[in-house]
Amino acid sequence: MEFIDVVNMLIRWGHLLFGMTWIGLLYYFNFIQGGYFKSASPEGLADGKAKLAPAALWWFRWGAMFTFLTGLVLLVGIHHMNVMNDYIIIGATMGTLMFLNVWLIIWPNQKIALGMVEGDGPAAGAKALLASRTNTLFSAPMAFCMMAGPHFAGYGMGTGSTAMWLALAIVAVLEVNALIGKQGPMTTVRGVITSSLVLTVVIVGILTQM
């Protein structure tokens, strides 16, 4: 095995490990911690906000950072090997938006919501929650597209097919909603899971039927 093959394997391995850390904590926040915070005693809520949430957010945001960085290295390698396709482009786009949501929306607003910095806590919490719900919405189709990329190499070849642009337009609208919109059906855990699976079906349907 050549040195470059070893490096490539290590980067892919790291990308997977960092991604599991990031998305695992994303699901923890949305499916577990949020519900607990709503039903916790005042003492438990205060302790969770002071100790648990900041520690989990540290792993969360740095998991996102290193998932993005290793993914960027892999994406450059894919481009150089000329095996880019619509699935990879859409998956990478959603992953990048999710990374930006973590660092530019979720983390700054969570610091305010948790009382780590001054600001309007309820408003900041609502902004962070909508971005977090949107990341959960993106997670299933993003993972599907990234995994499907090597197996559907003939779809679009990254040349800008109509299907790819339509799927990206849907993603863009949903990201705009994350910035200025509402949770809609994502107000509940069941709602965001269902929405994520439906979005996966819609995107895959567009890519395979057009």
N, C-alpha and C. Protein backbone atom coordinates (compact mmCIF):
# COMPACT_ATOMS: atom_id res chain seq x y z
N MET A 1 0.85 -1.20 0.00
CA MET A 1 0.00 0.00 0.00
C MET A 1 0.88 1.24 0.00
N GLU A 2 0.62 2.17 -0.90
CA GLU A 2 1.41 3.37 -1.01
C GLU A 2 1.05 4.36 0.10
N PHE A 3 1.99 5.28 0.35
CA PHE A 3 1.81 6.26 1.42
C PHE A 3 0.54 7.08 1.22
N ILE A 4 0.27 7.50 -0.01
CA ILE A 4 -0.90 8.33 -0.28
C ILE A 4 -2.18 7.57 0.01
N ASP A 5 -2.17 6.26 -0.18
CA ASP A 5 -3.35 5.45 0.12
C ASP A 5 -3.59 5.38 1.62
N VAL A 6 -2.49 5.31 2.39
CA VAL A 6 -2.60 5.29 3.84
C VAL A 6 -3.18 6.61 4.34
N VAL A 7 -2.66 7.71 3.81
CA VAL A 7 -3.14 9.04 4.20
C VAL A 7 -4.62 9.19 3.86
N ASN A 8 -5.00 8.77 2.67
CA ASN A 8 -6.40 8.85 2.25
C ASN A 8 -7.30 8.05 3.18
N MET A 9 -6.86 6.85 3.55
CA MET A 9 -7.65 6.02 4.45
C MET A 9 -7.79 6.66 5.82
N LEU A 10 -6.70 7.25 6.33
CA LEU A 10 -6.75 7.89 7.64
C LEU A 10 -7.69 9.10 7.63
N ILE A 11 -7.68 9.85 6.54
CA ILE A 11 -8.57 11.00 6.44
C ILE A 11 -10.02 10.55 6.40
N ARG A 12 -10.30 9.50 5.63
CA ARG A 12 -11.67 8.98 5.57
C ARG A 12 -12.12 8.45 6.93
N TRP A 13 -11.21 7.78 7.61
CA TRP A 13 -11.51 7.25 8.95
C TRP A 13 -11.80 8.40 9.92
N GLY A 14 -10.95 9.43 9.87
CA GLY A 14 -11.16 10.59 10.73
C GLY A 14 -12.47 11.30 10.41
N HIS A 15 -12.77 11.42 9.12
CA HIS A 15 -14.03 12.06 8.71
C HIS A 15 -15.23 11.33 9.30
N LEU A 16 -15.16 10.02 9.28
CA LEU A 16 -16.25 9.21 9.84
C LEU A 16 -16.35 9.39 11.35
N LEU A 17 -15.23 9.34 12.05
CA LEU A 17 -15.24 9.48 13.50
C LEU A 17 -15.73 10.86 13.93
N PHE A 18 -15.21 11.90 13.29
CA PHE A 18 -15.64 13.25 13.63
C PHE A 18 -17.13 13.43 13.30
N GLY A 19 -17.55 12.86 12.17
CA GLY A 19 -18.95 12.97 11.78
C GLY A 19 -19.88 12.27 12.76
N MET A 20 -19.48 11.11 13.26
CA MET A 20 -20.31 10.41 14.25
C MET A 20 -20.43 11.24 15.52
N THR A 21 -19.33 11.87 15.93
CA THR A 21 -19.36 12.72 17.12
C THR A 21 -20.31 13.88 16.93
N TRP A 22 -20.20 14.55 15.78
CA TRP A 22 -21.02 15.72 15.49
C TRP A 22 -22.50 15.37 15.39
N ILE A 23 -22.84 14.44 14.52
CA ILE A 23 -24.24 14.13 14.29
C ILE A 23 -24.86 13.42 15.49
N GLY A 24 -24.06 12.62 16.19
CA GLY A 24 -24.57 11.98 17.40
C GLY A 24 -25.00 13.01 18.43
N LEU A 25 -24.19 14.06 18.60
CA LEU A 25 -24.54 15.11 19.55
C LEU A 25 -25.69 15.97 19.03
N LEU A 26 -25.76 16.15 17.72
CA LEU A 26 -26.91 16.86 17.13
C LEU A 26 -28.21 16.16 17.50
N TYR A 27 -28.22 14.83 17.35
CA TYR A 27 -29.41 14.06 17.69
C TYR A 27 -29.66 14.08 19.20
N TYR A 28 -28.60 14.06 19.99
CA TYR A 28 -28.75 14.15 21.45
C TYR A 28 -29.44 15.45 21.84
N PHE A 29 -28.97 16.56 21.29
CA PHE A 29 -29.57 17.85 21.62
C PHE A 29 -31.05 17.89 21.23
N ASN A 30 -31.36 17.40 20.03
CA ASN A 30 -32.72 17.52 19.51
C ASN A 30 -33.68 16.48 20.07
N PHE A 31 -33.18 15.28 20.31
CA PHE A 31 -34.08 14.20 20.71
C PHE A 31 -34.12 13.96 22.22
N ILE A 32 -33.09 14.37 22.93
CA ILE A 32 -33.00 14.03 24.36
C ILE A 32 -32.91 15.27 25.25
N GLN A 33 -31.86 16.08 25.04
CA GLN A 33 -31.62 17.20 25.96
C GLN A 33 -32.77 18.20 25.94
N GLY A 34 -33.28 18.52 24.76
CA GLY A 34 -34.36 19.50 24.67
C GLY A 34 -35.57 19.08 25.48
N GLY A 35 -35.95 17.82 25.38
CA GLY A 35 -37.09 17.32 26.14
C GLY A 35 -36.83 17.32 27.63
N TYR A 36 -35.60 16.98 28.01
CA TYR A 36 -35.26 16.98 29.43
C TYR A 36 -35.32 18.39 30.02
N PHE A 37 -34.78 19.35 29.28
CA PHE A 37 -34.77 20.73 29.78
C PHE A 37 -36.18 21.26 30.00
N LYS A 38 -37.14 20.79 29.19
CA LYS A 38 -38.52 21.25 29.35
C LYS A 38 -39.16 20.69 30.61
N SER A 39 -38.75 19.49 31.05
CA SER A 39 -39.39 18.84 32.19
C SER A 39 -38.53 18.82 33.45
N ALA A 40 -37.30 19.34 33.36
CA ALA A 40 -36.38 19.27 34.50
C ALA A 40 -36.82 20.20 35.63
N SER A 41 -36.42 19.86 36.84
CA SER A 41 -36.64 20.75 37.98
C SER A 41 -35.78 22.00 37.80
N PRO A 42 -36.12 23.09 38.48
CA PRO A 42 -35.30 24.30 38.36
C PRO A 42 -33.84 24.05 38.69
N GLU A 43 -33.58 23.22 39.68
CA GLU A 43 -32.20 22.92 40.05
C GLU A 43 -31.50 22.11 38.95
N GLY A 44 -32.22 21.10 38.43
CA GLY A 44 -31.65 20.28 37.37
C GLY A 44 -31.41 21.08 36.11
N LEU A 45 -32.33 21.97 35.77
CA LEU A 45 -32.18 22.80 34.59
C LEU A 45 -30.98 23.73 34.73
N ALA A 46 -30.85 24.33 35.89
CA ALA A 46 -29.73 25.24 36.11
C ALA A 46 -28.39 24.50 36.03
N ASP A 47 -28.34 23.31 36.63
CA ASP A 47 -27.10 22.53 36.59
C ASP A 47 -26.78 22.08 35.17
N GLY A 48 -27.83 21.66 34.42
CA GLY A 48 -27.62 21.23 33.04
C GLY A 48 -27.10 22.34 32.17
N LYS A 49 -27.65 23.54 32.34
CA LYS A 49 -27.22 24.69 31.54
C LYS A 49 -25.81 25.14 31.92
N ALA A 50 -25.47 24.98 33.19
CA ALA A 50 -24.16 25.45 33.64
C ALA A 50 -23.04 24.48 33.32
N LYS A 51 -23.33 23.17 33.32
CA LYS A 51 -22.26 22.18 33.19
C LYS A 51 -22.41 21.26 31.98
N LEU A 52 -23.58 20.64 31.84
CA LEU A 52 -23.76 19.64 30.80
C LEU A 52 -23.75 20.25 29.40
N ALA A 53 -24.61 21.23 29.17
CA ALA A 53 -24.76 21.79 27.82
C ALA A 53 -23.46 22.40 27.29
N PRO A 54 -22.73 23.21 28.07
CA PRO A 54 -21.48 23.76 27.54
C PRO A 54 -20.46 22.70 27.16
N ALA A 55 -20.37 21.63 27.96
CA ALA A 55 -19.42 20.55 27.65
C ALA A 55 -19.83 19.83 26.37
N ALA A 56 -21.13 19.54 26.23
CA ALA A 56 -21.61 18.87 25.03
C ALA A 56 -21.43 19.74 23.80
N LEU A 57 -21.66 21.05 23.96
CA LEU A 57 -21.50 21.98 22.84
C LEU A 57 -20.04 22.08 22.39
N TRP A 58 -19.09 21.90 23.30
CA TRP A 58 -17.67 21.92 22.92
C TRP A 58 -17.38 20.77 21.96
N TRP A 59 -17.79 19.57 22.34
CA TRP A 59 -17.58 18.42 21.47
C TRP A 59 -18.36 18.57 20.17
N PHE A 60 -19.54 19.14 20.28
CA PHE A 60 -20.42 19.32 19.12
C PHE A 60 -19.78 20.22 18.07
N ARG A 61 -19.33 21.39 18.49
CA ARG A 61 -18.82 22.34 17.50
C ARG A 61 -17.47 21.92 16.94
N TRP A 62 -16.63 21.30 17.76
CA TRP A 62 -15.33 20.87 17.22
C TRP A 62 -15.46 19.58 16.41
N GLY A 63 -16.45 18.77 16.73
CA GLY A 63 -16.75 17.64 15.85
C GLY A 63 -17.16 18.13 14.48
N ALA A 64 -17.99 19.19 14.46
CA ALA A 64 -18.41 19.80 13.19
C ALA A 64 -17.21 20.37 12.44
N MET A 65 -16.33 21.05 13.15
CA MET A 65 -15.16 21.66 12.51
C MET A 65 -14.28 20.62 11.82
N PHE A 66 -13.95 19.56 12.52
CA PHE A 66 -13.03 18.58 11.95
C PHE A 66 -13.73 17.66 10.93
N THR A 67 -15.04 17.49 11.06
CA THR A 67 -15.76 16.80 10.00
C THR A 67 -15.68 17.61 8.72
N PHE A 68 -15.87 18.92 8.84
CA PHE A 68 -15.80 19.80 7.67
C PHE A 68 -14.41 19.81 7.06
N LEU A 69 -13.38 19.92 7.89
CA LEU A 69 -12.01 20.02 7.36
C LEU A 69 -11.58 18.72 6.67
N THR A 70 -11.86 17.59 7.28
CA THR A 70 -11.51 16.32 6.63
C THR A 70 -12.36 16.10 5.38
N GLY A 71 -13.61 16.53 5.42
CA GLY A 71 -14.46 16.42 4.24
C GLY A 71 -13.96 17.28 3.11
N LEU A 72 -13.44 18.46 3.45
CA LEU A 72 -12.90 19.36 2.43
C LEU A 72 -11.70 18.72 1.74
N VAL A 73 -10.83 18.07 2.51
CA VAL A 73 -9.68 17.38 1.93
C VAL A 73 -10.16 16.26 0.99
N LEU A 74 -11.14 15.50 1.43
CA LEU A 74 -11.67 14.43 0.59
C LEU A 74 -12.33 14.98 -0.67
N LEU A 75 -13.01 16.10 -0.54
CA LEU A 75 -13.69 16.70 -1.69
C LEU A 75 -12.68 17.16 -2.73
N VAL A 76 -11.58 17.74 -2.29
CA VAL A 76 -10.52 18.16 -3.22
C VAL A 76 -9.96 16.94 -3.95
N GLY A 77 -9.76 15.85 -3.22
CA GLY A 77 -9.25 14.62 -3.83
C GLY A 77 -10.22 14.06 -4.86
N ILE A 78 -11.51 14.10 -4.54
CA ILE A 78 -12.53 13.61 -5.47
C ILE A 78 -12.54 14.45 -6.74
N HIS A 79 -12.42 15.76 -6.56
CA HIS A 79 -12.40 16.65 -7.72
C HIS A 79 -11.20 16.36 -8.62
N HIS A 80 -10.05 16.13 -8.02
CA HIS A 80 -8.85 15.86 -8.80
C HIS A 80 -8.93 14.52 -9.52
N MET A 81 -9.67 13.57 -8.93
CA MET A 81 -9.83 12.27 -9.57
C MET A 81 -10.94 12.28 -10.62
N ASN A 82 -11.61 13.44 -10.75
CA ASN A 82 -12.66 13.62 -11.75
C ASN A 82 -13.81 12.63 -11.58
N VAL A 83 -14.19 12.38 -10.32
CA VAL A 83 -15.33 11.49 -10.05
C VAL A 83 -16.44 12.24 -9.30
N MET A 84 -16.43 13.56 -9.41
CA MET A 84 -17.48 14.36 -8.80
C MET A 84 -18.82 14.06 -9.47
N ASN A 85 -19.90 14.04 -8.69
CA ASN A 85 -21.22 13.85 -9.26
C ASN A 85 -22.25 14.62 -8.44
N ASP A 86 -23.51 14.59 -8.90
CA ASP A 86 -24.56 15.38 -8.28
C ASP A 86 -24.77 15.02 -6.81
N TYR A 87 -24.73 13.74 -6.49
CA TYR A 87 -24.92 13.31 -5.10
C TYR A 87 -23.86 13.91 -4.19
N ILE A 88 -22.61 13.86 -4.61
CA ILE A 88 -21.53 14.39 -3.79
C ILE A 88 -21.66 15.89 -3.61
N ILE A 89 -22.01 16.59 -4.68
CA ILE A 89 -22.15 18.04 -4.60
C ILE A 89 -23.28 18.43 -3.65
N ILE A 90 -24.41 17.77 -3.75
CA ILE A 90 -25.54 18.09 -2.88
C ILE A 90 -25.23 17.73 -1.43
N GLY A 91 -24.64 16.55 -1.21
CA GLY A 91 -24.27 16.16 0.15
C GLY A 91 -23.26 17.10 0.75
N ALA A 92 -22.25 17.49 -0.02
CA ALA A 92 -21.22 18.41 0.48
C ALA A 92 -21.80 19.78 0.76
N THR A 93 -22.74 20.22 -0.07
CA THR A 93 -23.38 21.52 0.15
C THR A 93 -24.16 21.52 1.46
N MET A 94 -24.96 20.48 1.68
CA MET A 94 -25.72 20.39 2.93
C MET A 94 -24.79 20.29 4.13
N GLY A 95 -23.73 19.50 4.02
CA GLY A 95 -22.78 19.38 5.11
C GLY A 95 -22.12 20.71 5.44
N THR A 96 -21.78 21.48 4.40
CA THR A 96 -21.17 22.79 4.62
C THR A 96 -22.14 23.75 5.29
N LEU A 97 -23.39 23.76 4.85
CA LEU A 97 -24.40 24.61 5.48
C LEU A 97 -24.61 24.22 6.94
N MET A 98 -24.61 22.93 7.20
CA MET A 98 -24.76 22.46 8.58
C MET A 98 -23.59 22.94 9.44
N PHE A 99 -22.37 22.86 8.90
CA PHE A 99 -21.19 23.34 9.61
C PHE A 99 -21.30 24.83 9.91
N LEU A 100 -21.72 25.61 8.90
CA LEU A 100 -21.86 27.06 9.09
C LEU A 100 -22.96 27.37 10.10
N ASN A 101 -24.03 26.60 10.07
CA ASN A 101 -25.10 26.80 11.06
C ASN A 101 -24.59 26.60 12.48
N VAL A 102 -23.73 25.61 12.66
CA VAL A 102 -23.17 25.34 14.00
C VAL A 102 -22.38 26.54 14.51
N TRP A 103 -21.44 27.00 13.68
CA TRP A 103 -20.50 28.02 14.13
C TRP A 103 -21.03 29.45 14.07
N LEU A 104 -21.94 29.72 13.14
CA LEU A 104 -22.41 31.09 12.96
C LEU A 104 -23.79 31.36 13.57
N ILE A 105 -24.57 30.31 13.84
CA ILE A 105 -25.90 30.51 14.39
C ILE A 105 -26.07 29.80 15.74
N ILE A 106 -25.87 28.48 15.74
CA ILE A 106 -26.17 27.70 16.94
C ILE A 106 -25.28 28.09 18.11
N TRP A 107 -23.96 28.06 17.91
CA TRP A 107 -23.05 28.33 19.01
C TRP A 107 -23.16 29.76 19.54
N PRO A 108 -23.15 30.81 18.69
CA PRO A 108 -23.30 32.16 19.24
C PRO A 108 -24.60 32.36 20.01
N ASN A 109 -25.69 31.80 19.51
CA ASN A 109 -26.97 31.99 20.19
C ASN A 109 -27.11 31.11 21.42
N GLN A 110 -26.50 29.93 21.39
CA GLN A 110 -26.54 29.08 22.59
C GLN A 110 -25.76 29.72 23.74
N LYS A 111 -24.70 30.42 23.44
CA LYS A 111 -23.96 31.11 24.51
C LYS A 111 -24.86 32.12 25.21
N ILE A 112 -25.70 32.78 24.44
CA ILE A 112 -26.63 33.74 25.05
C ILE A 112 -27.72 33.00 25.81
N ALA A 113 -28.29 31.96 25.19
CA ALA A 113 -29.39 31.22 25.82
C ALA A 113 -28.96 30.57 27.13
N LEU A 114 -27.70 30.16 27.20
CA LEU A 114 -27.20 29.50 28.41
C LEU A 114 -26.67 30.49 29.44
N GLY A 115 -26.71 31.77 29.12
CA GLY A 115 -26.25 32.79 30.06
C GLY A 115 -24.75 32.96 30.11
N MET A 116 -24.03 32.44 29.09
CA MET A 116 -22.58 32.55 29.06
C MET A 116 -22.14 33.95 28.63
N VAL A 117 -22.99 34.62 27.85
CA VAL A 117 -22.76 36.01 27.45
C VAL A 117 -24.09 36.75 27.55
N GLU A 118 -24.03 38.08 27.55
CA GLU A 118 -25.23 38.89 27.67
C GLU A 118 -26.05 38.85 26.39
N GLY A 119 -27.38 38.99 26.55
CA GLY A 119 -28.26 39.04 25.40
C GLY A 119 -29.66 38.57 25.75
N ASP A 120 -30.52 38.57 24.73
CA ASP A 120 -31.91 38.13 24.89
C ASP A 120 -31.94 36.61 24.83
N GLY A 121 -32.00 35.96 25.97
CA GLY A 121 -31.93 34.51 26.05
C GLY A 121 -33.01 33.78 25.28
N PRO A 122 -34.31 34.11 25.48
CA PRO A 122 -35.36 33.40 24.76
C PRO A 122 -35.26 33.56 23.24
N ALA A 123 -34.96 34.76 22.77
CA ALA A 123 -34.84 34.97 21.33
C ALA A 123 -33.66 34.20 20.76
N ALA A 124 -32.54 34.23 21.48
CA ALA A 124 -31.35 33.50 21.03
C ALA A 124 -31.60 32.00 21.03
N GLY A 125 -32.30 31.52 22.05
CA GLY A 125 -32.61 30.10 22.12
C GLY A 125 -33.47 29.65 20.95
N ALA A 126 -34.42 30.50 20.55
CA ALA A 126 -35.29 30.17 19.43
C ALA A 126 -34.50 30.11 18.12
N LYS A 127 -33.56 31.03 17.93
CA LYS A 127 -32.73 31.02 16.74
C LYS A 127 -31.85 29.78 16.69
N ALA A 128 -31.25 29.45 17.82
CA ALA A 128 -30.39 28.27 17.87
C ALA A 128 -31.19 27.00 17.61
N LEU A 129 -32.40 26.94 18.16
CA LEU A 129 -33.23 25.75 17.99
C LEU A 129 -33.64 25.56 16.53
N LEU A 130 -34.01 26.64 15.85
CA LEU A 130 -34.42 26.53 14.45
C LEU A 130 -33.25 26.06 13.59
N ALA A 131 -32.06 26.60 13.83
CA ALA A 131 -30.89 26.16 13.07
C ALA A 131 -30.55 24.71 13.38
N SER A 132 -30.70 24.31 14.64
CA SER A 132 -30.42 22.93 15.02
C SER A 132 -31.43 21.98 14.40
N ARG A 133 -32.70 22.38 14.38
CA ARG A 133 -33.73 21.57 13.73
C ARG A 133 -33.44 21.44 12.24
N THR A 134 -32.98 22.52 11.62
CA THR A 134 -32.66 22.48 10.20
C THR A 134 -31.49 21.54 9.94
N ASN A 135 -30.48 21.57 10.80
CA ASN A 135 -29.38 20.62 10.65
C ASN A 135 -29.87 19.18 10.77
N THR A 136 -30.80 18.94 11.69
CA THR A 136 -31.37 17.60 11.82
C THR A 136 -32.15 17.24 10.55
N LEU A 137 -32.87 18.20 10.00
CA LEU A 137 -33.59 18.01 8.75
C LEU A 137 -32.64 17.61 7.63
N PHE A 138 -31.49 18.29 7.55
CA PHE A 138 -30.51 18.03 6.49
C PHE A 138 -29.75 16.72 6.69
N SER A 139 -29.69 16.22 7.92
CA SER A 139 -28.76 15.14 8.24
C SER A 139 -29.00 13.86 7.44
N ALA A 140 -30.25 13.43 7.31
CA ALA A 140 -30.52 12.18 6.59
C ALA A 140 -30.23 12.28 5.10
N PRO A 141 -30.73 13.32 4.38
CA PRO A 141 -30.38 13.41 2.96
C PRO A 141 -28.91 13.68 2.73
N MET A 142 -28.26 14.43 3.62
CA MET A 142 -26.82 14.66 3.48
C MET A 142 -26.06 13.35 3.55
N ALA A 143 -26.37 12.53 4.56
CA ALA A 143 -25.68 11.25 4.72
C ALA A 143 -25.97 10.33 3.54
N PHE A 144 -27.21 10.31 3.07
CA PHE A 144 -27.56 9.46 1.94
C PHE A 144 -26.77 9.87 0.70
N CYS A 145 -26.72 11.16 0.42
CA CYS A 145 -26.02 11.64 -0.77
C CYS A 145 -24.52 11.35 -0.70
N MET A 146 -23.92 11.54 0.46
CA MET A 146 -22.48 11.29 0.58
C MET A 146 -22.17 9.80 0.42
N MET A 147 -23.04 8.94 0.93
CA MET A 147 -22.82 7.51 0.79
C MET A 147 -23.15 7.02 -0.62
N ALA A 148 -24.14 7.66 -1.26
CA ALA A 148 -24.55 7.25 -2.60
C ALA A 148 -23.56 7.71 -3.67
N GLY A 149 -22.81 8.76 -3.38
CA GLY A 149 -21.91 9.34 -4.38
C GLY A 149 -21.04 8.34 -5.12
N PRO A 150 -20.30 7.48 -4.42
CA PRO A 150 -19.44 6.52 -5.13
C PRO A 150 -20.21 5.45 -5.89
N HIS A 151 -21.47 5.23 -5.53
CA HIS A 151 -22.25 4.16 -6.16
C HIS A 151 -23.10 4.63 -7.34
N PHE A 152 -23.28 5.97 -7.43
CA PHE A 152 -24.07 6.53 -8.54
C PHE A 152 -23.23 7.56 -9.28
N ALA A 153 -22.05 7.15 -9.66
CA ALA A 153 -21.09 8.07 -10.26
C ALA A 153 -21.56 8.64 -11.59
N GLY A 154 -22.53 8.00 -12.23
CA GLY A 154 -22.97 8.48 -13.53
C GLY A 154 -23.99 9.59 -13.49
N TYR A 155 -24.47 9.95 -12.29
CA TYR A 155 -25.53 10.95 -12.19
C TYR A 155 -24.95 12.36 -12.20
N GLY A 156 -24.97 12.99 -13.39
CA GLY A 156 -24.59 14.39 -13.48
C GLY A 156 -23.11 14.64 -13.61
N MET A 157 -22.28 13.79 -13.02
CA MET A 157 -20.83 13.95 -13.06
C MET A 157 -20.37 15.32 -12.60
N GLY A 158 -21.20 16.00 -11.79
CA GLY A 158 -20.81 17.29 -11.26
C GLY A 158 -20.78 18.39 -12.28
N THR A 159 -21.51 18.24 -13.37
CA THR A 159 -21.48 19.24 -14.44
C THR A 159 -22.62 20.24 -14.34
N GLY A 160 -23.46 20.12 -13.35
CA GLY A 160 -24.54 21.08 -13.17
C GLY A 160 -25.82 20.66 -13.87
N SER A 161 -26.32 19.47 -13.60
CA SER A 161 -27.55 19.00 -14.22
C SER A 161 -28.75 19.77 -13.68
N THR A 162 -29.85 19.73 -14.42
CA THR A 162 -31.08 20.39 -13.98
C THR A 162 -31.55 19.82 -12.65
N ALA A 163 -31.45 18.50 -12.49
CA ALA A 163 -31.87 17.86 -11.24
C ALA A 163 -31.04 18.37 -10.07
N MET A 164 -29.74 18.50 -10.28
CA MET A 164 -28.87 18.97 -9.20
C MET A 164 -29.25 20.38 -8.77
N TRP A 165 -29.48 21.27 -9.74
CA TRP A 165 -29.82 22.65 -9.41
C TRP A 165 -31.18 22.75 -8.74
N LEU A 166 -32.12 21.90 -9.13
CA LEU A 166 -33.42 21.90 -8.48
C LEU A 166 -33.30 21.45 -7.03
N ALA A 167 -32.53 20.40 -6.80
CA ALA A 167 -32.32 19.92 -5.43
C ALA A 167 -31.61 20.98 -4.58
N LEU A 168 -30.61 21.64 -5.16
CA LEU A 168 -29.89 22.69 -4.43
C LEU A 168 -30.80 23.88 -4.13
N ALA A 169 -31.74 24.17 -5.03
CA ALA A 169 -32.69 25.26 -4.78
C ALA A 169 -33.57 24.94 -3.58
N ILE A 170 -33.99 23.68 -3.46
CA ILE A 170 -34.79 23.27 -2.30
C ILE A 170 -33.99 23.43 -1.02
N VAL A 171 -32.74 23.00 -1.07
CA VAL A 171 -31.86 23.13 0.10
C VAL A 171 -31.68 24.60 0.47
N ALA A 172 -31.51 25.45 -0.53
CA ALA A 172 -31.31 26.88 -0.28
C ALA A 172 -32.53 27.50 0.40
N VAL A 173 -33.72 27.14 -0.08
CA VAL A 173 -34.95 27.67 0.53
C VAL A 173 -35.05 27.24 1.99
N LEU A 174 -34.72 26.00 2.27
CA LEU A 174 -34.77 25.51 3.64
C LEU A 174 -33.74 26.19 4.53
N GLU A 175 -32.58 26.51 3.96
CA GLU A 175 -31.56 27.21 4.74
C GLU A 175 -31.98 28.65 5.02
N VAL A 176 -32.62 29.30 4.05
CA VAL A 176 -33.15 30.65 4.30
C VAL A 176 -34.18 30.60 5.43
N ASN A 177 -35.01 29.56 5.43
CA ASN A 177 -35.97 29.39 6.52
C ASN A 177 -35.26 29.25 7.86
N ALA A 178 -34.11 28.59 7.85
CA ALA A 178 -33.35 28.43 9.10
C ALA A 178 -32.89 29.78 9.64
N LEU A 179 -32.71 30.74 8.75
CA LEU A 179 -32.22 32.06 9.15
C LEU A 179 -33.34 33.00 9.57
N ILE A 180 -34.47 32.94 8.86
CA ILE A 180 -35.51 33.95 9.10
C ILE A 180 -36.91 33.36 9.20
N GLY A 181 -37.04 32.05 9.16
CA GLY A 181 -38.37 31.44 9.08
C GLY A 181 -38.87 30.87 10.39
N LYS A 182 -39.61 29.78 10.28
CA LYS A 182 -40.23 29.14 11.44
C LYS A 182 -39.95 27.63 11.42
N GLN A 183 -40.20 26.99 12.56
CA GLN A 183 -39.95 25.55 12.65
C GLN A 183 -40.96 24.73 11.86
N GLY A 184 -42.20 25.21 11.74
CA GLY A 184 -43.21 24.46 10.99
C GLY A 184 -43.39 23.07 11.57
N PRO A 185 -43.31 22.02 10.73
CA PRO A 185 -43.50 20.65 11.22
C PRO A 185 -42.35 20.15 12.08
N MET A 186 -41.28 20.94 12.20
CA MET A 186 -40.11 20.50 12.96
C MET A 186 -40.18 20.86 14.44
N THR A 187 -41.35 21.27 14.91
CA THR A 187 -41.48 21.63 16.32
C THR A 187 -41.39 20.43 17.24
N THR A 188 -41.65 19.22 16.71
CA THR A 188 -41.58 18.01 17.52
C THR A 188 -40.48 17.10 16.98
N VAL A 189 -40.06 16.18 17.82
CA VAL A 189 -39.04 15.21 17.41
C VAL A 189 -39.57 14.36 16.26
N ARG A 190 -40.78 13.88 16.39
CA ARG A 190 -41.36 13.07 15.31
C ARG A 190 -41.45 13.89 14.02
N GLY A 191 -41.81 15.15 14.16
CA GLY A 191 -41.95 16.01 12.99
C GLY A 191 -40.64 16.22 12.26
N VAL A 192 -39.56 16.46 12.99
CA VAL A 192 -38.28 16.71 12.32
C VAL A 192 -37.71 15.43 11.72
N ILE A 193 -37.91 14.29 12.37
CA ILE A 193 -37.46 13.02 11.81
C ILE A 193 -38.22 12.72 10.52
N THR A 194 -39.54 12.87 10.57
CA THR A 194 -40.35 12.63 9.38
C THR A 194 -39.97 13.58 8.24
N SER A 195 -39.77 14.84 8.59
CA SER A 195 -39.40 15.83 7.57
C SER A 195 -38.06 15.49 6.93
N SER A 196 -37.11 15.01 7.72
CA SER A 196 -35.80 14.64 7.21
C SER A 196 -35.89 13.47 6.24
N LEU A 197 -36.69 12.48 6.59
CA LEU A 197 -36.85 11.32 5.72
C LEU A 197 -37.59 11.69 4.43
N VAL A 198 -38.60 12.55 4.55
CA VAL A 198 -39.32 13.01 3.36
C VAL A 198 -38.39 13.80 2.44
N LEU A 199 -37.57 14.67 3.02
CA LEU A 199 -36.62 15.44 2.22
C LEU A 199 -35.65 14.52 1.49
N THR A 200 -35.23 13.45 2.15
CA THR A 200 -34.35 12.47 1.50
C THR A 200 -35.03 11.87 0.29
N VAL A 201 -36.27 11.46 0.45
CA VAL A 201 -37.02 10.85 -0.66
C VAL A 201 -37.18 11.85 -1.80
N VAL A 202 -37.49 13.09 -1.47
CA VAL A 202 -37.69 14.12 -2.50
C VAL A 202 -36.41 14.36 -3.29
N ILE A 203 -35.29 14.52 -2.60
CA ILE A 203 -34.03 14.81 -3.29
C ILE A 203 -33.59 13.62 -4.14
N VAL A 204 -33.66 12.43 -3.58
CA VAL A 204 -33.28 11.24 -4.34
C VAL A 204 -34.21 11.05 -5.53
N GLY A 205 -35.51 11.32 -5.32
CA GLY A 205 -36.46 11.21 -6.41
C GLY A 205 -36.14 12.17 -7.54
N ILE A 206 -35.78 13.38 -7.20
CA ILE A 206 -35.41 14.37 -8.22
C ILE A 206 -34.18 13.91 -9.01
N LEU A 207 -33.18 13.42 -8.28
CA LEU A 207 -31.92 13.03 -8.93
C LEU A 207 -32.07 11.80 -9.81
N THR A 208 -32.99 10.92 -9.46
CA THR A 208 -33.12 9.67 -10.22
C THR A 208 -34.16 9.73 -11.34
N GLN A 209 -35.06 10.71 -11.24
CA GLN A 209 -36.16 10.77 -12.23
C GLN A 209 -35.96 11.81 -13.31
N MET A 210 -35.07 12.77 -13.07
CA MET A 210 -34.91 13.84 -14.07
C MET A 210 -33.71 13.57 -14.97
